């Protein structure tokens, strides 16, 4: 019985190790298709603060990237335009985080944080589907539903940023869509209602940095892949 227990423990350890090793890599087909791996699972290579300062590897935790605590967001060093971003995330209780796209430039305007230079896809520990809930384009477009899994479970999100369109898929469901051409006025949504940003999104840069927001809560990201379009 003792030997059997040891054998089963070893098998479980091998399975867990194999599962962990399968994260943060590209398959041969993904490489052929042109996908780029943005996080190697072991270091912060390719990531920096918005002030372009290098990071220490405290943000790497068990094969995932946790932006808390950092200076507002972990920022990928490259400027990207027209792509599909695919990644997995899980949240902590009362989490407040988000994924930034089209952040350009990284120098904030006077009196504003760098978030005003980008677009945030919200990630929050909530159950509703409003302007500040998971999958929302923060304060701009509500998701059609809150498709997030419970705290502690991994979610899969795909963000397509392609010319005038931004489309969000969460756990296999398309939940949010924004056509920037329909947003010509600052502080106004496409339907004419007010939002907080003094930005005319029709003329907002359609390229920029990708960022993982730190808003005071732990949130873990892995399998961060990007496909240029």
C-alpha atoms as a PDB file:
ATOM      1  CA  UNK A   1       0.000   0.000   0.000  1.00  0.00           C
ATOM      2  CA  UNK A   2       2.856   2.376   0.891  1.00  0.00           C
ATOM      3  CA  UNK A   3       4.628   1.701  -2.422  1.00  0.00           C
ATOM      4  CA  UNK A   4       1.395   2.204  -4.304  1.00  0.00           C
ATOM      5  CA  UNK A   5       0.862   5.581  -2.612  1.00  0.00           C
ATOM      6  CA  UNK A   6       4.383   6.668  -3.559  1.00  0.00           C
ATOM      7  CA  UNK A   7       3.818   5.502  -7.144  1.00  0.00           C
ATOM      8  CA  UNK A   8       0.543   7.447  -7.420  1.00  0.00           C
ATOM      9  CA  UNK A   9       2.197  10.549  -5.972  1.00  0.00           C
ATOM     10  CA  UNK A  10       4.972  10.340  -8.544  1.00  0.00           C
ATOM     11  CA  UNK A  11       2.454   9.956 -11.365  1.00  0.00           C
ATOM     12  CA  UNK A  12       0.527  13.019 -10.172  1.00  0.00           C
ATOM     13  CA  UNK A  13       3.760  15.014  -9.947  1.00  0.00           C
ATOM     14  CA  UNK A  14       4.669  14.042 -13.508  1.00  0.00           C
ATOM     15  CA  UNK A  15       1.208  14.998 -14.774  1.00  0.00           C
ATOM     16  CA  UNK A  16       1.356  18.348 -12.954  1.00  0.00           C
ATOM     17  CA  UNK A  17       4.840  19.010 -14.276  1.00  0.00           C
ATOM     18  CA  UNK A  18       3.786  18.168 -17.833  1.00  0.00           C
ATOM     19  CA  UNK A  19       0.768  20.442 -17.575  1.00  0.00           C
ATOM     20  CA  UNK A  20       2.912  23.296 -16.282  1.00  0.00           C
ATOM     21  CA  UNK A  21       5.504  22.725 -19.019  1.00  0.00           C
ATOM     22  CA  UNK A  22       2.789  23.000 -21.658  1.00  0.00           C
ATOM     23  CA  UNK A  23       2.201  26.615 -20.707  1.00  0.00           C
ATOM     24  CA  UNK A  24       3.982  29.604 -22.254  1.00  0.00           C
ATOM     25  CA  UNK A  25       5.180  27.823 -25.388  1.00  0.00           C
ATOM     26  CA  UNK A  26       4.180  27.895 -29.045  1.00  0.00           C
ATOM     27  CA  UNK A  27       3.262  24.765 -30.920  1.00  0.00           C
ATOM     28  CA  UNK A  28       4.933  24.117 -34.253  1.00  0.00           C
ATOM     29  CA  UNK A  29       1.694  25.014 -36.016  1.00  0.00           C
ATOM     30  CA  UNK A  30       1.417  28.295 -34.105  1.00  0.00           C
ATOM     31  CA  UNK A  31       4.971  29.147 -35.119  1.00  0.00           C
ATOM     32  CA  UNK A  32       4.133  28.413 -38.766  1.00  0.00           C
ATOM     33  CA  UNK A  33       0.996  30.552 -38.493  1.00  0.00           C
ATOM     34  CA  UNK A  34       3.052  33.505 -37.247  1.00  0.00           C
ATOM     35  CA  UNK A  35       2.169  33.656 -33.543  1.00  0.00           C
ATOM     36  CA  UNK A  36       4.648  35.460 -31.259  1.00  0.00           C
ATOM     37  CA  UNK A  37       5.166  34.479 -27.602  1.00  0.00           C
ATOM     38  CA  UNK A  38       5.249  37.574 -25.369  1.00  0.00           C
ATOM     39  CA  UNK A  39       6.001  35.829 -22.047  1.00  0.00           C
ATOM     40  CA  UNK A  40       8.388  32.913 -21.598  1.00  0.00           C
ATOM     41  CA  UNK A  41       7.014  31.817 -18.219  1.00  0.00           C
ATOM     42  CA  UNK A  42      10.332  32.355 -16.476  1.00  0.00           C
ATOM     43  CA  UNK A  43      11.350  36.007 -16.749  1.00  0.00           C
ATOM     44  CA  UNK A  44      10.121  39.525 -17.459  1.00  0.00           C
ATOM     45  CA  UNK A  45      12.101  39.656 -20.696  1.00  0.00           C
ATOM     46  CA  UNK A  46      10.291  42.001 -23.087  1.00  0.00           C
ATOM     47  CA  UNK A  47       8.360  43.765 -20.322  1.00  0.00           C
ATOM     48  CA  UNK A  48       9.008  47.085 -18.606  1.00  0.00           C
ATOM     49  CA  UNK A  49       7.344  49.847 -16.605  1.00  0.00           C
ATOM     50  CA  UNK A  50       5.545  52.658 -18.490  1.00  0.00           C
ATOM     51  CA  UNK A  51       8.635  54.745 -17.713  1.00  0.00           C
ATOM     52  CA  UNK A  52      10.634  52.144 -19.691  1.00  0.00           C
ATOM     53  CA  UNK A  53      12.417  50.978 -16.550  1.00  0.00           C
ATOM     54  CA  UNK A  54      13.485  47.311 -16.408  1.00  0.00           C
ATOM     55  CA  UNK A  55      11.605  44.991 -14.064  1.00  0.00           C
ATOM     56  CA  UNK A  56      12.806  42.534 -11.466  1.00  0.00           C
ATOM     57  CA  UNK A  57      11.460  39.032 -11.708  1.00  0.00           C
ATOM     58  CA  UNK A  58       9.234  39.205  -8.618  1.00  0.00           C
ATOM     59  CA  UNK A  59       6.394  39.546 -11.128  1.00  0.00           C
ATOM     60  CA  UNK A  60       6.983  35.977 -12.377  1.00  0.00           C
ATOM     61  CA  UNK A  61       5.005  33.612 -10.146  1.00  0.00           C
ATOM     62  CA  UNK A  62       4.627  29.900 -10.925  1.00  0.00           C
ATOM     63  CA  UNK A  63       4.765  30.361 -14.668  1.00  0.00           C
ATOM     64  CA  UNK A  64       2.516  33.398 -14.754  1.00  0.00           C
ATOM     65  CA  UNK A  65       2.996  37.163 -14.841  1.00  0.00           C
ATOM     66  CA  UNK A  66       1.501  39.168 -11.953  1.00  0.00           C
ATOM     67  CA  UNK A  67       1.622  42.968 -12.425  1.00  0.00           C
ATOM     68  CA  UNK A  68       0.983  43.643  -8.713  1.00  0.00           C
ATOM     69  CA  UNK A  69       2.716  45.604  -7.381  1.00  0.00           C
ATOM     70  CA  UNK A  70       4.193  47.741 -10.140  1.00  0.00           C
ATOM     71  CA  UNK A  71       3.969  51.300 -11.396  1.00  0.00           C
ATOM     72  CA  UNK A  72       0.441  51.185 -12.889  1.00  0.00           C
ATOM     73  CA  UNK A  73       1.019  48.469 -15.489  1.00  0.00           C
ATOM     74  CA  UNK A  74       3.526  46.003 -16.849  1.00  0.00           C
ATOM     75  CA  UNK A  75       4.139  47.200 -20.385  1.00  0.00           C
ATOM     76  CA  UNK A  76       5.369  45.177 -23.343  1.00  0.00           C
ATOM     77  CA  UNK A  77       8.315  46.887 -25.004  1.00  0.00           C
ATOM     78  CA  UNK A  78       7.022  46.600 -28.588  1.00  0.00           C
ATOM     79  CA  UNK A  79       4.497  48.803 -30.359  1.00  0.00           C
ATOM     80  CA  UNK A  80       1.895  46.608 -32.061  1.00  0.00           C
ATOM     81  CA  UNK A  81      -0.652  47.389 -34.775  1.00  0.00           C
ATOM     82  CA  UNK A  82      -3.390  45.073 -36.106  1.00  0.00           C
ATOM     83  CA  UNK A  83      -3.173  41.825 -34.170  1.00  0.00           C
ATOM     84  CA  UNK A  84      -4.957  39.125 -32.240  1.00  0.00           C
ATOM     85  CA  UNK A  85      -3.853  38.844 -28.586  1.00  0.00           C
ATOM     86  CA  UNK A  86      -4.584  35.561 -26.812  1.00  0.00           C
ATOM     87  CA  UNK A  87      -3.910  34.888 -23.132  1.00  0.00           C
ATOM     88  CA  UNK A  88      -5.130  33.222 -19.949  1.00  0.00           C
ATOM     89  CA  UNK A  89      -5.791  34.992 -16.652  1.00  0.00           C
ATOM     90  CA  UNK A  90      -7.110  34.287 -13.172  1.00  0.00           C
ATOM     91  CA  UNK A  91      -8.085  36.767 -10.490  1.00  0.00           C
ATOM     92  CA  UNK A  92      -7.821  37.109  -6.734  1.00  0.00           C
ATOM     93  CA  UNK A  93     -10.793  38.052  -4.515  1.00  0.00           C
ATOM     94  CA  UNK A  94     -11.870  41.688  -5.015  1.00  0.00           C
ATOM     95  CA  UNK A  95      -9.497  41.936  -7.982  1.00  0.00           C
ATOM     96  CA  UNK A  96      -9.273  45.134  -9.995  1.00  0.00           C
ATOM     97  CA  UNK A  97      -7.048  44.779 -13.069  1.00  0.00           C
ATOM     98  CA  UNK A  98      -7.195  45.111 -16.818  1.00  0.00           C
ATOM     99  CA  UNK A  99      -5.447  44.597 -20.134  1.00  0.00           C
ATOM    100  CA  UNK A 100      -4.370  47.705 -22.024  1.00  0.00           C
ATOM    101  CA  UNK A 101      -4.044  47.907 -25.811  1.00  0.00           C
ATOM    102  CA  UNK A 102      -3.212  50.771 -28.193  1.00  0.00           C
ATOM    103  CA  UNK A 103      -1.330  52.612 -25.429  1.00  0.00           C
ATOM    104  CA  UNK A 104       0.521  55.331 -27.284  1.00  0.00           C
ATOM    105  CA  UNK A 105       2.602  57.206 -26.427  1.00  0.00           C
ATOM    106  CA  UNK A 106       3.796  56.084 -23.000  1.00  0.00           C
ATOM    107  CA  UNK A 107       4.294  59.663 -21.825  1.00  0.00           C
ATOM    108  CA  UNK A 108       1.117  60.692 -19.971  1.00  0.00           C
ATOM    109  CA  UNK A 109      -0.511  64.026 -20.565  1.00  0.00           C
ATOM    110  CA  UNK A 110      -0.272  66.576 -17.713  1.00  0.00           C
ATOM    111  CA  UNK A 111      -2.663  65.642 -14.940  1.00  0.00           C
ATOM    112  CA  UNK A 112      -3.572  62.277 -16.490  1.00  0.00           C
ATOM    113  CA  UNK A 113      -2.295  58.750 -15.973  1.00  0.00           C
ATOM    114  CA  UNK A 114      -0.936  56.765 -18.900  1.00  0.00           C
ATOM    115  CA  UNK A 115      -4.230  54.868 -19.099  1.00  0.00           C
ATOM    116  CA  UNK A 116      -5.754  57.843 -20.908  1.00  0.00           C
ATOM    117  CA  UNK A 117      -3.341  57.064 -23.773  1.00  0.00           C
ATOM    118  CA  UNK A 118      -4.681  53.539 -24.236  1.00  0.00           C
ATOM    119  CA  UNK A 119      -7.775  51.353 -24.177  1.00  0.00           C
ATOM    120  CA  UNK A 120      -8.467  49.111 -21.177  1.00  0.00           C
ATOM    121  CA  UNK A 121     -10.287  45.790 -21.213  1.00  0.00           C
ATOM    122  CA  UNK A 122     -11.544  45.508 -17.653  1.00  0.00           C
ATOM    123  CA  UNK A 123     -10.867  42.510 -15.380  1.00  0.00           C
ATOM    124  CA  UNK A 124     -12.703  42.699 -12.050  1.00  0.00           C
ATOM    125  CA  UNK A 125     -14.169  40.440  -9.372  1.00  0.00           C
ATOM    126  CA  UNK A 126     -17.810  41.229 -10.119  1.00  0.00           C
ATOM    127  CA  UNK A 127     -20.892  39.382 -11.335  1.00  0.00           C
ATOM    128  CA  UNK A 128     -22.534  42.096 -13.421  1.00  0.00           C
ATOM    129  CA  UNK A 129     -21.990  43.199 -17.023  1.00  0.00           C
ATOM    130  CA  UNK A 130     -21.589  46.956 -16.925  1.00  0.00           C
ATOM    131  CA  UNK A 131     -18.961  49.465 -18.071  1.00  0.00           C
ATOM    132  CA  UNK A 132     -16.452  48.452 -15.375  1.00  0.00           C
ATOM    133  CA  UNK A 133     -16.927  44.671 -15.339  1.00  0.00           C
ATOM    134  CA  UNK A 134     -14.791  41.932 -16.850  1.00  0.00           C
ATOM    135  CA  UNK A 135     -14.798  42.065 -20.641  1.00  0.00           C
ATOM    136  CA  UNK A 136     -15.941  45.685 -20.800  1.00  0.00           C
ATOM    137  CA  UNK A 137     -13.933  48.181 -22.809  1.00  0.00           C
ATOM    138  CA  UNK A 138     -13.523  50.240 -19.674  1.00  0.00           C
ATOM    139  CA  UNK A 139     -16.115  53.016 -19.329  1.00  0.00           C
ATOM    140  CA  UNK A 140     -16.808  52.831 -23.065  1.00  0.00           C
ATOM    141  CA  UNK A 141     -18.590  49.599 -24.066  1.00  0.00           C
ATOM    142  CA  UNK A 142     -20.421  47.103 -21.846  1.00  0.00           C
ATOM    143  CA  UNK A 143     -19.978  43.370 -22.432  1.00  0.00           C
ATOM    144  CA  UNK A 144     -23.120  41.518 -23.481  1.00  0.00           C
ATOM    145  CA  UNK A 145     -22.630  39.237 -20.462  1.00  0.00           C
ATOM    146  CA  UNK A 146     -20.161  38.514 -17.662  1.00  0.00           C
ATOM    147  CA  UNK A 147     -18.561  35.337 -18.993  1.00  0.00           C
ATOM    148  CA  UNK A 148     -15.794  35.144 -16.390  1.00  0.00           C
ATOM    149  CA  UNK A 149     -15.178  31.990 -14.333  1.00  0.00           C
ATOM    150  CA  UNK A 150     -15.073  32.112 -10.512  1.00  0.00           C
ATOM    151  CA  UNK A 151     -12.116  33.519  -8.554  1.00  0.00           C
ATOM    152  CA  UNK A 152      -9.068  31.243  -8.811  1.00  0.00           C
ATOM    153  CA  UNK A 153     -10.047  29.594 -12.107  1.00  0.00           C
ATOM    154  CA  UNK A 154      -8.239  30.296 -15.373  1.00  0.00           C
ATOM    155  CA  UNK A 155     -10.052  32.280 -18.073  1.00  0.00           C
ATOM    156  CA  UNK A 156      -9.150  32.513 -21.755  1.00  0.00           C
ATOM    157  CA  UNK A 157      -9.464  35.876 -23.485  1.00  0.00           C
ATOM    158  CA  UNK A 158      -8.836  36.836 -27.111  1.00  0.00           C
ATOM    159  CA  UNK A 159      -8.560  40.515 -28.029  1.00  0.00           C
ATOM    160  CA  UNK A 160      -8.615  41.445 -31.706  1.00  0.00           C
ATOM    161  CA  UNK A 161      -7.324  44.954 -32.409  1.00  0.00           C
ATOM    162  CA  UNK A 162      -7.630  45.457 -36.148  1.00  0.00           C
ATOM    163  CA  UNK A 163      -7.800  48.915 -37.710  1.00  0.00           C
ATOM    164  CA  UNK A 164     -11.105  50.510 -36.620  1.00  0.00           C
ATOM    165  CA  UNK A 165     -12.329  47.467 -34.664  1.00  0.00           C
ATOM    166  CA  UNK A 166     -11.707  46.117 -31.178  1.00  0.00           C
ATOM    167  CA  UNK A 167     -13.374  42.774 -30.421  1.00  0.00           C
ATOM    168  CA  UNK A 168     -13.273  40.822 -27.139  1.00  0.00           C
ATOM    169  CA  UNK A 169     -13.898  37.084 -26.763  1.00  0.00           C
ATOM    170  CA  UNK A 170     -13.975  35.595 -23.260  1.00  0.00           C
ATOM    171  CA  UNK A 171     -14.057  31.859 -22.648  1.00  0.00           C
ATOM    172  CA  UNK A 172     -15.165  31.198 -26.202  1.00  0.00           C
ATOM    173  CA  UNK A 173     -17.891  33.863 -26.419  1.00  0.00           C
ATOM    174  CA  UNK A 174     -17.713  37.187 -28.240  1.00  0.00           C
ATOM    175  CA  UNK A 175     -18.955  39.681 -25.658  1.00  0.00           C
ATOM    176  CA  UNK A 176     -17.707  43.153 -26.647  1.00  0.00           C
ATOM    177  CA  UNK A 177     -17.172  45.077 -29.876  1.00  0.00           C
ATOM    178  CA  UNK A 178     -16.157  48.680 -30.572  1.00  0.00           C
ATOM    179  CA  UNK A 179     -15.974  50.426 -33.940  1.00  0.00           C
ATOM    180  CA  UNK A 180     -13.682  53.415 -33.447  1.00  0.00           C
ATOM    181  CA  UNK A 181     -15.045  55.142 -36.548  1.00  0.00           C
ATOM    182  CA  UNK A 182     -18.321  55.635 -34.637  1.00  0.00           C
ATOM    183  CA  UNK A 183     -16.651  57.629 -31.827  1.00  0.00           C
ATOM    184  CA  UNK A 184     -15.880  61.146 -33.217  1.00  0.00           C
ATOM    185  CA  UNK A 185     -16.319  63.222 -30.024  1.00  0.00           C
ATOM    186  CA  UNK A 186     -14.406  63.385 -26.728  1.00  0.00           C
ATOM    187  CA  UNK A 187     -16.354  62.293 -23.604  1.00  0.00           C
ATOM    188  CA  UNK A 188     -19.165  60.827 -25.720  1.00  0.00           C
ATOM    189  CA  UNK A 189     -19.942  57.232 -26.568  1.00  0.00           C
ATOM    190  CA  UNK A 190     -21.245  56.217 -29.979  1.00  0.00           C
ATOM    191  CA  UNK A 191     -24.816  56.488 -28.643  1.00  0.00           C
ATOM    192  CA  UNK A 192     -24.193  60.023 -27.332  1.00  0.00           C
ATOM    193  CA  UNK A 193     -23.999  59.127 -23.620  1.00  0.00           C
ATOM    194  CA  UNK A 194     -21.122  60.505 -21.553  1.00  0.00           C
ATOM    195  CA  UNK A 195     -17.903  58.727 -20.547  1.00  0.00           C
ATOM    196  CA  UNK A 196     -14.844  59.878 -18.569  1.00  0.00           C
ATOM    197  CA  UNK A 197     -12.206  60.145 -21.307  1.00  0.00           C
ATOM    198  CA  UNK A 198     -11.510  63.403 -23.139  1.00  0.00           C
ATOM    199  CA  UNK A 199     -10.540  61.431 -26.236  1.00  0.00           C
ATOM    200  CA  UNK A 200     -12.079  61.275 -29.706  1.00  0.00           C
ATOM    201  CA  UNK A 201     -11.532  57.576 -30.354  1.00  0.00           C
ATOM    202  CA  UNK A 202     -12.069  57.940 -34.080  1.00  0.00           C
ATOM    203  CA  UNK A 203      -8.645  59.602 -34.205  1.00  0.00           C
ATOM    204  CA  UNK A 204      -7.024  57.642 -31.366  1.00  0.00           C
ATOM    205  CA  UNK A 205      -3.801  55.823 -32.421  1.00  0.00           C
ATOM    206  CA  UNK A 206      -4.548  52.365 -33.785  1.00  0.00           C
ATOM    207  CA  UNK A 207      -1.177  51.087 -32.653  1.00  0.00           C
ATOM    208  CA  UNK A 208       0.521  51.075 -29.269  1.00  0.00           C
ATOM    209  CA  UNK A 209       1.841  49.110 -26.324  1.00  0.00           C
ATOM    210  CA  UNK A 210       0.108  46.224 -24.565  1.00  0.00           C
ATOM    211  CA  UNK A 211      -0.078  46.506 -20.773  1.00  0.00           C
ATOM    212  CA  UNK A 212      -1.191  44.445 -17.771  1.00  0.00           C
ATOM    213  CA  UNK A 213      -2.653  46.784 -15.171  1.00  0.00           C
ATOM    214  CA  UNK A 214      -1.833  46.880 -11.483  1.00  0.00           C
ATOM    215  CA  UNK A 215      -4.701  48.506  -9.615  1.00  0.00           C
ATOM    216  CA  UNK A 216      -3.822  47.149  -6.170  1.00  0.00           C
ATOM    217  CA  UNK A 217      -4.803  43.491  -6.632  1.00  0.00           C
ATOM    218  CA  UNK A 218      -3.168  40.225  -7.622  1.00  0.00           C
ATOM    219  CA  UNK A 219      -4.049  38.999 -11.105  1.00  0.00           C
ATOM    220  CA  UNK A 220      -2.089  36.337 -12.975  1.00  0.00           C
ATOM    221  CA  UNK A 221      -1.499  36.094 -16.730  1.00  0.00           C
ATOM    222  CA  UNK A 222       0.062  33.319 -18.808  1.00  0.00           C
ATOM    223  CA  UNK A 223       0.176  31.936 -22.352  1.00  0.00           C
ATOM    224  CA  UNK A 224       0.450  35.472 -23.730  1.00  0.00           C
ATOM    225  CA  UNK A 225       0.542  35.089 -27.511  1.00  0.00           C
ATOM    226  CA  UNK A 226       0.120  37.593 -30.320  1.00  0.00           C
ATOM    227  CA  UNK A 227      -0.692  37.037 -34.001  1.00  0.00           C
ATOM    228  CA  UNK A 228       0.049  40.019 -36.281  1.00  0.00           C
ATOM    229  CA  UNK A 229      -2.756  40.598 -38.798  1.00  0.00           C
END
